């Protein structure tokens, strides 16, 4: 979006017979970049929530694995059972437990995946808000993602560390 706006601005200036970057345009347009990936990876509160989500997923996998092992153990024990009625009844119970376990697993993982998506969405909003706040505070007209820039002279300002600092700053109660 910003790239299109910059292109339109440059193209419009060229059509008007003005050089794409004049001394007055340089004074008016301040450009900064942010390494969005670095900010995301350094955003402490976000990373902590992701770790908790990952730990919960691991816990679900461990519980399901243990329950599956228990079911397999019971199936092996059932092989030595002599009462066919009891065997049939236990097989039906174990089959039902497998279905319930699988259903529970998929439901838990879906909930955790949705929580993760919400965490990512909320973090993006916080990052964009921090970028906007810093850009306004420091007078930047345009802020680009460092990952999207194909060329830049050394005259730009990298505000990645300022965004990380703002996001990790303890909130006032």
Protein backbone atom coordinates (compact mmCIF):
# COMPACT_ATOMS: atom_id res chain seq x y z
CA UNK A 1 0.00 0.00 0.00
CA UNK A 2 2.76 2.45 0.97
CA UNK A 3 4.73 1.43 -2.08
CA UNK A 4 1.76 2.30 -4.32
CA UNK A 5 1.32 5.64 -2.54
CA UNK A 6 5.01 6.45 -2.94
CA UNK A 7 4.88 5.42 -6.60
CA UNK A 8 1.80 7.60 -7.20
CA UNK A 9 3.44 10.52 -5.42
CA UNK A 10 6.63 10.16 -7.48
CA UNK A 11 4.69 9.58 -10.72
CA UNK A 12 2.43 12.56 -9.98
CA UNK A 13 5.39 14.83 -9.34
CA UNK A 14 7.02 13.70 -12.58
CA UNK A 15 3.80 14.37 -14.54
CA UNK A 16 3.61 17.84 -13.05
CA UNK A 17 7.10 18.52 -14.39
CA UNK A 18 8.70 18.47 -10.98
CA UNK A 19 11.66 16.31 -10.10
CA UNK A 20 10.62 13.22 -8.14
CA UNK A 21 12.53 14.39 -5.08
CA UNK A 22 13.04 18.08 -4.62
CA UNK A 23 14.71 19.82 -1.72
CA UNK A 24 11.32 20.83 -0.33
CA UNK A 25 9.92 17.29 -0.70
CA UNK A 26 12.94 15.90 1.16
CA UNK A 27 12.26 18.29 3.99
CA UNK A 28 8.61 17.26 4.14
CA UNK A 29 8.87 13.51 3.76
CA UNK A 30 10.72 11.64 6.51
CA UNK A 31 11.03 7.92 5.95
CA UNK A 32 11.76 5.17 8.45
CA UNK A 33 11.87 1.40 8.30
CA UNK A 34 10.98 -1.31 10.78
CA UNK A 35 12.10 -4.92 10.75
CA UNK A 36 8.71 -6.42 11.57
CA UNK A 37 10.07 -9.92 12.07
CA UNK A 38 12.69 -8.72 14.54
CA UNK A 39 10.06 -6.74 16.42
CA UNK A 40 7.77 -9.79 16.61
CA UNK A 41 10.59 -12.02 17.84
CA UNK A 42 11.67 -9.42 20.44
CA UNK A 43 8.17 -8.55 21.70
CA UNK A 44 8.45 -10.15 25.15
CA UNK A 45 4.76 -10.30 26.14
CA UNK A 46 3.83 -11.81 22.76
CA UNK A 47 6.63 -14.39 22.87
CA UNK A 48 5.68 -15.38 26.42
CA UNK A 49 2.05 -15.96 25.36
CA UNK A 50 3.19 -18.00 22.35
CA UNK A 51 5.38 -20.14 24.62
CA UNK A 52 2.40 -20.78 26.92
CA UNK A 53 0.29 -21.76 23.91
CA UNK A 54 3.02 -24.10 22.66
CA UNK A 55 3.40 -25.62 26.15
CA UNK A 56 -0.34 -26.25 26.31
CA UNK A 57 -0.21 -27.97 22.90
CA UNK A 58 2.67 -30.13 24.13
CA UNK A 59 0.67 -31.01 27.25
CA UNK A 60 -2.31 -32.09 25.10
CA UNK A 61 -0.05 -34.23 22.90
CA UNK A 62 1.56 -35.85 25.95
CA UNK A 63 -1.84 -36.61 27.50
CA UNK A 64 -3.15 -38.12 24.28
CA UNK A 65 0.02 -40.17 23.81
CA UNK A 66 -0.24 -41.52 27.37
CA UNK A 67 -3.94 -42.33 26.91
CA UNK A 68 -3.19 -44.13 23.61
CA UNK A 69 -0.47 -46.16 25.32
CA UNK A 70 -2.94 -47.09 28.08
CA UNK A 71 -5.50 -48.21 25.49
CA UNK A 72 -2.88 -50.32 23.65
CA UNK A 73 -1.80 -51.89 26.96
CA UNK A 74 -5.42 -52.77 27.76
CA UNK A 75 -5.87 -54.23 24.26
CA UNK A 76 -2.84 -56.48 24.81
CA UNK A 77 -4.16 -57.57 28.20
CA UNK A 78 -7.51 -58.26 26.59
CA UNK A 79 -5.86 -60.72 24.18
CA UNK A 80 -5.26 -63.11 27.09
CA UNK A 81 -8.91 -62.92 28.27
CA UNK A 82 -10.88 -66.16 27.91
CA UNK A 83 -14.43 -64.80 28.28
CA UNK A 84 -15.65 -63.84 24.74
CA UNK A 85 -18.51 -61.70 26.09
CA UNK A 86 -16.14 -59.72 28.28
CA UNK A 87 -13.67 -59.38 25.34
CA UNK A 88 -16.39 -58.04 23.05
CA UNK A 89 -17.66 -55.61 25.69
CA UNK A 90 -14.14 -54.34 26.47
CA UNK A 91 -13.32 -53.96 22.77
CA UNK A 92 -16.42 -51.80 22.34
CA UNK A 93 -15.43 -49.68 25.35
CA UNK A 94 -11.86 -49.27 24.07
CA UNK A 95 -13.10 -48.35 20.58
CA UNK A 96 -15.36 -45.70 22.14
CA UNK A 97 -12.45 -44.36 24.20
CA UNK A 98 -10.33 -44.09 21.05
CA UNK A 99 -13.04 -42.06 19.32
CA UNK A 100 -13.52 -39.81 22.35
CA UNK A 101 -9.77 -39.34 22.69
CA UNK A 102 -9.40 -38.41 19.04
CA UNK A 103 -12.35 -35.99 19.24
CA UNK A 104 -10.96 -34.40 22.39
CA UNK A 105 -7.53 -34.06 20.79
CA UNK A 106 -8.84 -32.31 17.67
CA UNK A 107 -11.12 -30.02 19.69
CA UNK A 108 -8.27 -29.03 22.02
CA UNK A 109 -5.89 -28.37 19.14
CA UNK A 110 -8.51 -26.31 17.29
CA UNK A 111 -9.08 -24.17 20.40
CA UNK A 112 -5.33 -23.69 20.86
CA UNK A 113 -4.86 -22.86 17.16
CA UNK A 114 -7.60 -20.23 17.38
CA UNK A 115 -6.00 -18.80 20.53
CA UNK A 116 -2.68 -18.62 18.67
CA UNK A 117 -4.32 -16.80 15.75
CA UNK A 118 -5.85 -14.32 18.21
CA UNK A 119 -2.46 -13.82 19.89
CA UNK A 120 -0.84 -13.10 16.54
CA UNK A 121 -3.62 -10.73 15.50
CA UNK A 122 -3.46 -8.86 18.81
CA UNK A 123 0.34 -8.63 18.61
CA UNK A 124 0.16 -7.23 15.08
CA UNK A 125 -2.28 -4.57 16.26
CA UNK A 126 0.01 -3.65 19.15
CA UNK A 127 3.04 -3.51 16.86
CA UNK A 128 1.24 -1.36 14.29
CA UNK A 129 0.01 0.95 17.05
CA UNK A 130 3.54 1.28 18.45
CA UNK A 131 4.91 2.00 14.97
CA UNK A 132 2.22 4.64 14.41
CA UNK A 133 2.84 6.26 17.81
CA UNK A 134 6.61 6.44 17.30
CA UNK A 135 6.22 7.69 13.72
CA UNK A 136 3.90 10.49 14.86
CA UNK A 137 6.12 11.33 17.83
CA UNK A 138 9.29 11.50 15.70
CA UNK A 139 7.65 13.13 12.66
CA UNK A 140 7.95 10.36 10.08
CA UNK A 141 5.69 10.60 7.05
CA UNK A 142 6.20 7.03 5.86
CA UNK A 143 7.29 3.83 7.60
CA UNK A 144 8.16 0.82 5.51
CA UNK A 145 8.75 -2.77 6.46
CA UNK A 146 12.45 -3.44 6.07
CA UNK A 147 11.59 -6.78 4.47
CA UNK A 148 9.75 -5.07 1.60
CA UNK A 149 12.38 -2.54 0.56
CA UNK A 150 14.29 -3.45 -2.56
CA UNK A 151 16.73 -0.55 -2.30
CA UNK A 152 17.44 2.13 0.23
CA UNK A 153 20.29 4.54 0.63
CA UNK A 154 21.72 4.90 4.11
CA UNK A 155 19.63 8.05 4.68
CA UNK A 156 16.67 6.32 6.27
CA UNK A 157 16.00 5.84 9.98
CA UNK A 158 15.57 2.33 11.35
CA UNK A 159 13.09 2.58 14.21
CA UNK A 160 12.96 -1.16 14.95
CA UNK A 161 14.67 -0.83 18.34
CA UNK A 162 12.35 2.03 19.35
CA UNK A 163 9.31 -0.11 18.54
CA UNK A 164 10.70 -3.07 20.51
CA UNK A 165 11.48 -0.79 23.45
CA UNK A 166 7.95 0.68 23.41
CA UNK A 167 6.30 -2.75 23.24
CA UNK A 168 8.42 -4.22 26.05
CA UNK A 169 8.07 -1.16 28.30
CA UNK A 170 6.08 -2.08 31.42
CA UNK A 171 2.57 -0.70 31.29
CA UNK A 172 1.57 1.82 33.94
CA UNK A 173 -1.27 0.54 36.14
